[in-house]
Amino acid sequence: MLIDGGWSFFQRALAAYDLPLDAEFAERTLFSARLGAIHYLGYTLNQGGNPSRDLLHVRRVFGLE
């Protein structure tokens, strides 16, 4: 969700549901999304693929877009 929609989309999605979440949930989710985006970028580069989509995801989860 964070990789494709960005931080604001994630916050809107959380606000749409009344779920009991601990205070660190968003921070853990952001960390996981960042790690996943970097992993997919590395995998794509290792396989010789086109990294443009993965670079977009990395930029998005690090707030560079």
Protein backbone atom coordinates (compact mmCIF):
# COMPACT_ATOMS: atom_id res chain seq x y z
CA MET A 1 0.00 0.00 0.00
CA LEU A 2 2.78 2.42 0.88
CA ILE A 3 4.88 1.42 -2.10
CA ASP A 4 2.12 2.04 -4.63
CA GLY A 5 0.07 4.77 -2.97
CA GLY A 6 2.55 6.69 -0.88
CA TRP A 7 2.36 7.92 2.70
CA SER A 8 -0.75 10.07 2.29
CA PHE A 9 -2.68 7.13 0.79
CA PHE A 10 -1.59 4.94 3.70
CA GLN A 11 -2.78 7.53 6.22
CA ARG A 12 -6.16 7.88 4.46
CA ALA A 13 -6.57 4.10 4.40
CA LEU A 14 -5.87 3.84 8.12
CA ALA A 15 -8.30 6.65 8.88
CA ALA A 16 -11.04 4.83 6.92
CA TYR A 17 -11.00 1.93 9.39
CA ASP A 18 -11.47 2.06 13.14
CA LEU A 19 -8.80 -0.44 14.10
CA PRO A 20 -6.97 -0.72 17.42
CA LEU A 21 -3.36 -0.08 16.34
CA ASP A 22 -0.39 0.46 18.60
CA ALA A 23 1.54 3.72 18.43
CA GLU A 24 4.44 2.23 16.44
CA PHE A 25 2.33 0.53 13.75
CA ALA A 26 2.82 3.25 11.14
CA GLU A 27 6.56 3.44 11.82
CA ARG A 28 6.97 -0.34 11.43
CA THR A 29 4.91 -0.28 8.25
CA LEU A 30 7.00 2.53 6.77
CA PHE A 31 10.22 0.68 7.65
CA SER A 32 8.90 -2.50 6.05
CA ALA A 33 7.82 -0.66 2.90
CA ARG A 34 11.22 1.01 2.58
CA LEU A 35 13.04 -2.28 3.05
CA GLY A 36 10.77 -4.00 0.52
CA ALA A 37 11.22 -1.26 -2.07
CA ILE A 38 15.00 -1.46 -1.77
CA HIS A 39 14.84 -5.26 -1.98
CA TYR A 40 12.78 -5.20 -5.17
CA LEU A 41 15.09 -2.60 -6.71
CA GLY A 42 18.12 -4.76 -5.91
CA TYR A 43 16.41 -7.85 -7.30
CA THR A 44 15.49 -6.07 -10.53
CA LEU A 45 19.05 -4.78 -10.97
CA ASN A 46 20.49 -8.21 -10.19
CA GLN A 47 18.26 -9.78 -12.85
CA GLY A 48 19.25 -7.17 -15.44
CA GLY A 49 15.75 -5.71 -15.61
CA ASN A 50 14.53 -2.16 -16.07
CA PRO A 51 14.62 -0.47 -12.64
CA SER A 52 12.45 2.55 -13.50
CA ARG A 53 9.32 1.30 -11.72
CA ASP A 54 11.30 0.14 -8.68
CA LEU A 55 13.14 3.47 -8.50
CA LEU A 56 9.77 5.22 -8.47
CA HIS A 57 8.68 3.04 -5.54
CA VAL A 58 11.90 3.75 -3.62
CA ARG A 59 11.50 7.47 -4.20
CA ARG A 60 7.87 7.32 -3.09
CA VAL A 61 8.42 5.46 0.20
CA PHE A 62 11.34 7.71 1.12
CA GLY A 63 9.21 10.79 0.46
CA LEU A 64 11.24 11.97 -2.51
CA GLU A 65 8.19 12.23 -4.79
